[in-house]
Each structure stands twice: as structure tokens, then as C-alpha cells.
Amino acid sequence: MDAQKEVDARGLNCPLPILKAKKALADMASGQVLKVVATDPGSMRDFQAFARQTGNELIEQAALNDEFVHYLRRR
């Protein structure tokens, strides 16, 4: 999937991946896609809640080895 911006949140625990994503999304235009790569297993649940609360669309989530990849579309 093509993303206009990517955030590397490897090695960071909650709530830091969410905070980095929130900051990145603030600098993006509506409809653009953000990719977040995290190593915190809790990020799967955290990004689902974040999308519900903010209105940004969680397009896709994937667990690849020890990494969790999240794609969010800016509202």
C-alpha cells in the first residue's frame, strides 16, 4: 500500500506510537495515508481505538514477524 508518510515507532511503548502518529497526521492533508511501524503488540488495539476516537480511517493492520504495521487515512 502506498503511504505519503511513514512513522518508525519501533522500540516505543504505548502511548508513544499513537502520539507520533497523531503528530504526523496533523501535518498531512485530508485523504493522505500514514504508515506506522511499531514493535509494541498493544499497538494493534491502540490504533483501533485511536481511529474510532479521532475519525481517521484505519485502513489496514498487519503483524509481520515482531513488527506491527498500521495504515491510517487522514480524515
PDB file of N, CA and C in Angstrom:
ATOM      1  N   MET A   1       0.855  -1.190   0.000  1.00  0.00           N
ATOM      2  CA  MET A   1       0.000   0.000   0.000  1.00  0.00           C
ATOM      3  C   MET A   1       0.891   1.241   0.000  1.00  0.00           C
ATOM      4  N   ASP A   2       0.517   2.230  -0.776  1.00  0.00           N
ATOM      5  CA  ASP A   2       1.277   3.476  -0.841  1.00  0.00           C
ATOM      6  C   ASP A   2       0.893   4.391   0.310  1.00  0.00           C
ATOM      7  N   ALA A   3       1.896   4.926   0.975  1.00  0.00           N
ATOM      8  CA  ALA A   3       1.673   5.875   2.061  1.00  0.00           C
ATOM      9  C   ALA A   3       2.455   7.147   1.766  1.00  0.00           C
ATOM     10  N   GLN A   4       1.861   8.287   2.074  1.00  0.00           N
ATOM     11  CA  GLN A   4       2.527   9.559   1.838  1.00  0.00           C
ATOM     12  C   GLN A   4       3.575   9.856   2.916  1.00  0.00           C
ATOM     13  N   LYS A   5       3.403   9.242   4.089  1.00  0.00           N
ATOM     14  CA  LYS A   5       4.336   9.472   5.194  1.00  0.00           C
ATOM     15  C   LYS A   5       4.450   8.190   6.008  1.00  0.00           C
ATOM     16  N   GLU A   6       5.643   7.978   6.594  1.00  0.00           N
ATOM     17  CA  GLU A   6       5.857   6.794   7.423  1.00  0.00           C
ATOM     18  C   GLU A   6       6.452   7.211   8.764  1.00  0.00           C
ATOM     19  N   VAL A   7       5.960   6.573   9.828  1.00  0.00           N
ATOM     20  CA  VAL A   7       6.463   6.817  11.173  1.00  0.00           C
ATOM     21  C   VAL A   7       7.090   5.517  11.684  1.00  0.00           C
ATOM     22  N   ASP A   8       8.332   5.616  12.145  1.00  0.00           N
ATOM     23  CA  ASP A   8       9.021   4.469  12.736  1.00  0.00           C
ATOM     24  C   ASP A   8       8.857   4.548  14.248  1.00  0.00           C
ATOM     25  N   ALA A   9       8.017   3.690  14.798  1.00  0.00           N
ATOM     26  CA  ALA A   9       7.774   3.673  16.236  1.00  0.00           C
ATOM     27  C   ALA A   9       8.326   2.397  16.864  1.00  0.00           C
ATOM     28  N   ARG A  10       9.304   1.790  16.201  1.00  0.00           N
ATOM     29  CA  ARG A  10       9.912   0.567  16.733  1.00  0.00           C
ATOM     30  C   ARG A  10      10.591   0.869  18.065  1.00  0.00           C
ATOM     31  N   GLY A  11      10.396  -0.031  19.027  1.00  0.00           N
ATOM     32  CA  GLY A  11      11.036   0.119  20.326  1.00  0.00           C
ATOM     33  C   GLY A  11      10.288   1.038  21.279  1.00  0.00           C
ATOM     34  N   LEU A  12       9.209   1.649  20.821  1.00  0.00           N
ATOM     35  CA  LEU A  12       8.437   2.559  21.666  1.00  0.00           C
ATOM     36  C   LEU A  12       7.198   1.845  22.188  1.00  0.00           C
ATOM     37  N   ASN A  13       6.865   2.114  23.429  1.00  0.00           N
ATOM     38  CA  ASN A  13       5.671   1.525  24.030  1.00  0.00           C
ATOM     39  C   ASN A  13       4.573   2.573  24.151  1.00  0.00           C
ATOM     40  N   CYS A  14       3.350   2.085  24.329  1.00  0.00           N
ATOM     41  CA  CYS A  14       2.185   2.939  24.485  1.00  0.00           C
ATOM     42  C   CYS A  14       2.459   4.015  25.540  1.00  0.00           C
ATOM     43  N   PRO A  15       2.101   5.235  25.311  1.00  0.00           N
ATOM     44  CA  PRO A  15       1.317   5.778  24.192  1.00  0.00           C
ATOM     45  C   PRO A  15       2.157   6.413  23.087  1.00  0.00           C
ATOM     46  N   LEU A  16       3.480   6.209  23.099  1.00  0.00           N
ATOM     47  CA  LEU A  16       4.343   6.915  22.146  1.00  0.00           C
ATOM     48  C   LEU A  16       4.033   6.655  20.664  1.00  0.00           C
ATOM     49  N   PRO A  17       3.754   5.399  20.230  1.00  0.00           N
ATOM     50  CA  PRO A  17       3.407   5.225  18.806  1.00  0.00           C
ATOM     51  C   PRO A  17       2.176   6.041  18.396  1.00  0.00           C
ATOM     52  N   ILE A  18       1.184   6.116  19.279  1.00  0.00           N
ATOM     53  CA  ILE A  18      -0.029   6.895  18.996  1.00  0.00           C
ATOM     54  C   ILE A  18       0.305   8.383  18.925  1.00  0.00           C
ATOM     55  N   LEU A  19       1.116   8.858  19.853  1.00  0.00           N
ATOM     56  CA  LEU A  19       1.472  10.283  19.855  1.00  0.00           C
ATOM     57  C   LEU A  19       2.257  10.667  18.614  1.00  0.00           C
ATOM     58  N   LYS A  20       3.173   9.801  18.174  1.00  0.00           N
ATOM     59  CA  LYS A  20       3.936  10.082  16.954  1.00  0.00           C
ATOM     60  C   LYS A  20       3.005  10.088  15.730  1.00  0.00           C
ATOM     61  N   ALA A  21       2.049   9.166  15.706  1.00  0.00           N
ATOM     62  CA  ALA A  21       1.095   9.102  14.601  1.00  0.00           C
ATOM     63  C   ALA A  21       0.215  10.349  14.591  1.00  0.00           C
ATOM     64  N   LYS A  22      -0.235  10.760  15.756  1.00  0.00           N
ATOM     65  CA  LYS A  22      -1.098  11.943  15.868  1.00  0.00           C
ATOM     66  C   LYS A  22      -0.378  13.185  15.338  1.00  0.00           C
ATOM     67  N   LYS A  23       0.891  13.317  15.706  1.00  0.00           N
ATOM     68  CA  LYS A  23       1.695  14.466  15.250  1.00  0.00           C
ATOM     69  C   LYS A  23       1.878  14.426  13.729  1.00  0.00           C
ATOM     70  N   ALA A  24       2.162  13.253  13.191  1.00  0.00           N
ATOM     71  CA  ALA A  24       2.354  13.107  11.747  1.00  0.00           C
ATOM     72  C   ALA A  24       1.064  13.413  10.992  1.00  0.00           C
ATOM     73  N   LEU A  25      -0.068  12.911  11.486  1.00  0.00           N
ATOM     74  CA  LEU A  25      -1.357  13.139  10.818  1.00  0.00           C
ATOM     75  C   LEU A  25      -1.716  14.626  10.799  1.00  0.00           C
ATOM     76  N   ALA A  26      -1.307  15.363  11.821  1.00  0.00           N
ATOM     77  CA  ALA A  26      -1.622  16.795  11.894  1.00  0.00           C
ATOM     78  C   ALA A  26      -0.974  17.574  10.748  1.00  0.00           C
ATOM     79  N   ASP A  27       0.129  17.047  10.220  1.00  0.00           N
ATOM     80  CA  ASP A  27       0.847  17.715   9.127  1.00  0.00           C
ATOM     81  C   ASP A  27       0.449  17.200   7.751  1.00  0.00           C
ATOM     82  N   MET A  28      -0.566  16.354   7.700  1.00  0.00           N
ATOM     83  CA  MET A  28      -0.965  15.743   6.432  1.00  0.00           C
ATOM     84  C   MET A  28      -2.304  16.297   5.948  1.00  0.00           C
ATOM     85  N   ALA A  29      -2.523  16.207   4.643  1.00  0.00           N
ATOM     86  CA  ALA A  29      -3.784  16.657   4.053  1.00  0.00           C
ATOM     87  C   ALA A  29      -4.834  15.553   4.185  1.00  0.00           C
ATOM     88  N   SER A  30      -6.088  15.956   4.156  1.00  0.00           N
ATOM     89  CA  SER A  30      -7.197  15.013   4.223  1.00  0.00           C
ATOM     90  C   SER A  30      -7.085  13.993   3.096  1.00  0.00           C
ATOM     91  N   GLY A  31      -7.262  12.716   3.435  1.00  0.00           N
ATOM     92  CA  GLY A  31      -7.220  11.652   2.439  1.00  0.00           C
ATOM     93  C   GLY A  31      -5.851  11.009   2.275  1.00  0.00           C
ATOM     94  N   GLN A  32      -4.800  11.644   2.805  1.00  0.00           N
ATOM     95  CA  GLN A  32      -3.469  11.062   2.696  1.00  0.00           C
ATOM     96  C   GLN A  32      -3.335   9.885   3.664  1.00  0.00           C
ATOM     97  N   VAL A  33      -2.388   8.980   3.347  1.00  0.00           N
ATOM     98  CA  VAL A  33      -2.220   7.753   4.119  1.00  0.00           C
ATOM     99  C   VAL A  33      -0.906   7.792   4.895  1.00  0.00           C
ATOM    100  N   LEU A  34      -0.996   7.391   6.170  1.00  0.00           N
ATOM    101  CA  LEU A  34       0.158   7.303   7.059  1.00  0.00           C
ATOM    102  C   LEU A  34       0.417   5.837   7.378  1.00  0.00           C
ATOM    103  N   LYS A  35       1.683   5.453   7.287  1.00  0.00           N
ATOM    104  CA  LYS A  35       2.102   4.100   7.668  1.00  0.00           C
ATOM    105  C   LYS A  35       2.869   4.213   8.979  1.00  0.00           C
ATOM    106  N   VAL A  36       2.497   3.389   9.960  1.00  0.00           N
ATOM    107  CA  VAL A  36       3.187   3.365  11.249  1.00  0.00           C
ATOM    108  C   VAL A  36       3.719   1.950  11.476  1.00  0.00           C
ATOM    109  N   VAL A  37       5.013   1.851  11.768  1.00  0.00           N
ATOM    110  CA  VAL A  37       5.622   0.562  12.078  1.00  0.00           C
ATOM    111  C   VAL A  37       5.990   0.572  13.558  1.00  0.00           C
ATOM    112  N   ALA A  38       5.446  -0.389  14.313  1.00  0.00           N
ATOM    113  CA  ALA A  38       5.667  -0.452  15.759  1.00  0.00           C
ATOM    114  C   ALA A  38       6.071  -1.870  16.166  1.00  0.00           C
ATOM    115  N   THR A  39       6.667  -1.979  17.344  1.00  0.00           N
ATOM    116  CA  THR A  39       7.022  -3.294  17.877  1.00  0.00           C
ATOM    117  C   THR A  39       6.192  -3.637  19.118  1.00  0.00           C
ATOM    118  N   ASP A  40       5.370  -2.709  19.573  1.00  0.00           N
ATOM    119  CA  ASP A  40       4.515  -2.923  20.749  1.00  0.00           C
ATOM    120  C   ASP A  40       3.270  -3.707  20.332  1.00  0.00           C
ATOM    121  N   PRO A  41       3.087  -4.953  20.847  1.00  0.00           N
ATOM    122  CA  PRO A  41       1.896  -5.735  20.468  1.00  0.00           C
ATOM    123  C   PRO A  41       0.593  -5.019  20.799  1.00  0.00           C
ATOM    124  N   GLY A  42       0.595  -4.190  21.831  1.00  0.00           N
ATOM    125  CA  GLY A  42      -0.600  -3.442  22.210  1.00  0.00           C
ATOM    126  C   GLY A  42      -0.996  -2.395  21.190  1.00  0.00           C
ATOM    127  N   SER A  43      -0.098  -2.104  20.253  1.00  0.00           N
ATOM    128  CA  SER A  43      -0.410  -1.075  19.247  1.00  0.00           C
ATOM    129  C   SER A  43      -1.562  -1.505  18.341  1.00  0.00           C
ATOM    130  N   MET A  44      -1.779  -2.803  18.178  1.00  0.00           N
ATOM    131  CA  MET A  44      -2.899  -3.273  17.346  1.00  0.00           C
ATOM    132  C   MET A  44      -4.214  -2.747  17.926  1.00  0.00           C
ATOM    133  N   ARG A  45      -4.394  -2.945  19.200  1.00  0.00           N
ATOM    134  CA  ARG A  45      -5.598  -2.499  19.906  1.00  0.00           C
ATOM    135  C   ARG A  45      -5.626  -0.964  20.002  1.00  0.00           C
ATOM    136  N   ASP A  46      -4.463  -0.378  20.295  1.00  0.00           N
ATOM    137  CA  ASP A  46      -4.376   1.076  20.480  1.00  0.00           C
ATOM    138  C   ASP A  46      -4.778   1.843  19.218  1.00  0.00           C
ATOM    139  N   PHE A  47      -4.313   1.386  18.057  1.00  0.00           N
ATOM    140  CA  PHE A  47      -4.638   2.102  16.819  1.00  0.00           C
ATOM    141  C   PHE A  47      -6.103   1.930  16.427  1.00  0.00           C
ATOM    142  N   GLN A  48      -6.712   0.809  16.797  1.00  0.00           N
ATOM    143  CA  GLN A  48      -8.153   0.635  16.551  1.00  0.00           C
ATOM    144  C   GLN A  48      -8.942   1.661  17.355  1.00  0.00           C
ATOM    145  N   ALA A  49      -8.578   1.819  18.618  1.00  0.00           N
ATOM    146  CA  ALA A  49      -9.256   2.791  19.479  1.00  0.00           C
ATOM    147  C   ALA A  49      -8.973   4.217  19.011  1.00  0.00           C
ATOM    148  N   PHE A  50      -7.739   4.480  18.609  1.00  0.00           N
ATOM    149  CA  PHE A  50      -7.350   5.808  18.136  1.00  0.00           C
ATOM    150  C   PHE A  50      -8.184   6.208  16.913  1.00  0.00           C
ATOM    151  N   ALA A  51      -8.360   5.277  15.985  1.00  0.00           N
ATOM    152  CA  ALA A  51      -9.138   5.559  14.773  1.00  0.00           C
ATOM    153  C   ALA A  51     -10.596   5.861  15.126  1.00  0.00           C
ATOM    154  N   ARG A  52     -11.173   5.071  16.023  1.00  0.00           N
ATOM    155  CA  ARG A  52     -12.563   5.300  16.444  1.00  0.00           C
ATOM    156  C   ARG A  52     -12.716   6.678  17.085  1.00  0.00           C
ATOM    157  N   GLN A  53     -11.773   7.056  17.931  1.00  0.00           N
ATOM    158  CA  GLN A  53     -11.878   8.301  18.695  1.00  0.00           C
ATOM    159  C   GLN A  53     -11.605   9.547  17.851  1.00  0.00           C
ATOM    160  N   THR A  54     -10.768   9.420  16.824  1.00  0.00           N
ATOM    161  CA  THR A  54     -10.355  10.606  16.061  1.00  0.00           C
ATOM    162  C   THR A  54     -11.075  10.758  14.727  1.00  0.00           C
ATOM    163  N   GLY A  55     -11.699   9.696  14.237  1.00  0.00           N
ATOM    164  CA  GLY A  55     -12.375   9.774  12.950  1.00  0.00           C
ATOM    165  C   GLY A  55     -11.452   9.502  11.775  1.00  0.00           C
ATOM    166  N   ASN A  56     -10.165   9.245  12.047  1.00  0.00           N
ATOM    167  CA  ASN A  56      -9.266   8.828  10.976  1.00  0.00           C
ATOM    168  C   ASN A  56      -9.569   7.364  10.667  1.00  0.00           C
ATOM    169  N   GLU A  57      -9.408   6.973   9.409  1.00  0.00           N
ATOM    170  CA  GLU A  57      -9.762   5.610   8.995  1.00  0.00           C
ATOM    171  C   GLU A  57      -8.567   4.674   9.136  1.00  0.00           C
ATOM    172  N   LEU A  58      -8.758   3.593   9.878  1.00  0.00           N
ATOM    173  CA  LEU A  58      -7.740   2.550   9.966  1.00  0.00           C
ATOM    174  C   LEU A  58      -7.960   1.624   8.777  1.00  0.00           C
ATOM    175  N   ILE A  59      -7.117   1.758   7.771  1.00  0.00           N
ATOM    176  CA  ILE A  59      -7.305   1.025   6.524  1.00  0.00           C
ATOM    177  C   ILE A  59      -6.882  -0.432   6.665  1.00  0.00           C
ATOM    178  N   GLU A  60      -5.726  -0.631   7.305  1.00  0.00           N
ATOM    179  CA  GLU A  60      -5.171  -1.985   7.366  1.00  0.00           C
ATOM    180  C   GLU A  60      -4.216  -2.099   8.542  1.00  0.00           C
ATOM    181  N   GLN A  61      -4.145  -3.308   9.109  1.00  0.00           N
ATOM    182  CA  GLN A  61      -3.164  -3.634  10.142  1.00  0.00           C
ATOM    183  C   GLN A  61      -2.575  -4.989   9.795  1.00  0.00           C
ATOM    184  N   ALA A  62      -1.282  -5.143  10.059  1.00  0.00           N
ATOM    185  CA  ALA A  62      -0.641  -6.427   9.794  1.00  0.00           C
ATOM    186  C   ALA A  62       0.438  -6.680  10.831  1.00  0.00           C
ATOM    187  N   ALA A  63       0.585  -7.956  11.201  1.00  0.00           N
ATOM    188  CA  ALA A  63       1.668  -8.361  12.092  1.00  0.00           C
ATOM    189  C   ALA A  63       2.678  -9.116  11.236  1.00  0.00           C
ATOM    190  N   LEU A  64       3.879  -8.573  11.124  1.00  0.00           N
ATOM    191  CA  LEU A  64       4.933  -9.187  10.322  1.00  0.00           C
ATOM    192  C   LEU A  64       6.122  -9.452  11.234  1.00  0.00           C
ATOM    193  N   ASN A  65       6.384 -10.727  11.514  1.00  0.00           N
ATOM    194  CA  ASN A  65       7.431 -11.124  12.459  1.00  0.00           C
ATOM    195  C   ASN A  65       7.160 -10.449  13.802  1.00  0.00           C
ATOM    196  N   ASP A  66       8.055  -9.600  14.270  1.00  0.00           N
ATOM    197  CA  ASP A  66       7.855  -8.924  15.554  1.00  0.00           C
ATOM    198  C   ASP A  66       7.427  -7.482  15.375  1.00  0.00           C
ATOM    199  N   GLU A  67       6.972  -7.139  14.177  1.00  0.00           N
ATOM    200  CA  GLU A  67       6.564  -5.766  13.905  1.00  0.00           C
ATOM    201  C   GLU A  67       5.083  -5.705  13.556  1.00  0.00           C
ATOM    202  N   PHE A  68       4.486  -4.567  13.883  1.00  0.00           N
ATOM    203  CA  PHE A  68       3.070  -4.345  13.633  1.00  0.00           C
ATOM    204  C   PHE A  68       2.954  -3.107  12.751  1.00  0.00           C
ATOM    205  N   VAL A  69       2.301  -3.289  11.606  1.00  0.00           N
ATOM    206  CA  VAL A  69       2.190  -2.188  10.636  1.00  0.00           C
ATOM    207  C   VAL A  69       0.753  -1.719  10.576  1.00  0.00           C
ATOM    208  N   HIS A  70       0.581  -0.416  10.661  1.00  0.00           N
ATOM    209  CA  HIS A  70      -0.755   0.197  10.668  1.00  0.00           C
ATOM    210  C   HIS A  70      -0.815   1.235   9.562  1.00  0.00           C
ATOM    211  N   TYR A  71      -1.923   1.244   8.813  1.00  0.00           N
ATOM    212  CA  TYR A  71      -2.161   2.262   7.794  1.00  0.00           C
ATOM    213  C   TYR A  71      -3.394   3.058   8.170  1.00  0.00           C
ATOM    214  N   LEU A  72      -3.216   4.359   8.268  1.00  0.00           N
ATOM    215  CA  LEU A  72      -4.311   5.267   8.633  1.00  0.00           C
ATOM    216  C   LEU A  72      -4.530   6.283   7.527  1.00  0.00           C
ATOM    217  N   ARG A  73      -5.805   6.531   7.203  1.00  0.00           N
ATOM    218  CA  ARG A  73      -6.134   7.585   6.243  1.00  0.00           C
ATOM    219  C   ARG A  73      -6.615   8.796   7.028  1.00  0.00           C
ATOM    220  N   ARG A  74      -5.992   9.944   6.734  1.00  0.00           N
ATOM    221  CA  ARG A  74      -6.317  11.205   7.421  1.00  0.00           C
ATOM    222  C   ARG A  74      -7.734  11.615   7.070  1.00  0.00           C
ATOM    223  N   ARG A  75      -8.502  12.000   8.095  1.00  0.00           N
ATOM    224  CA  ARG A  75      -9.881  12.411   7.857  1.00  0.00           C
ATOM    225  C   ARG A  75      -9.931  13.789   7.224  1.00  0.00           C
TER     226      ARG A  75
END
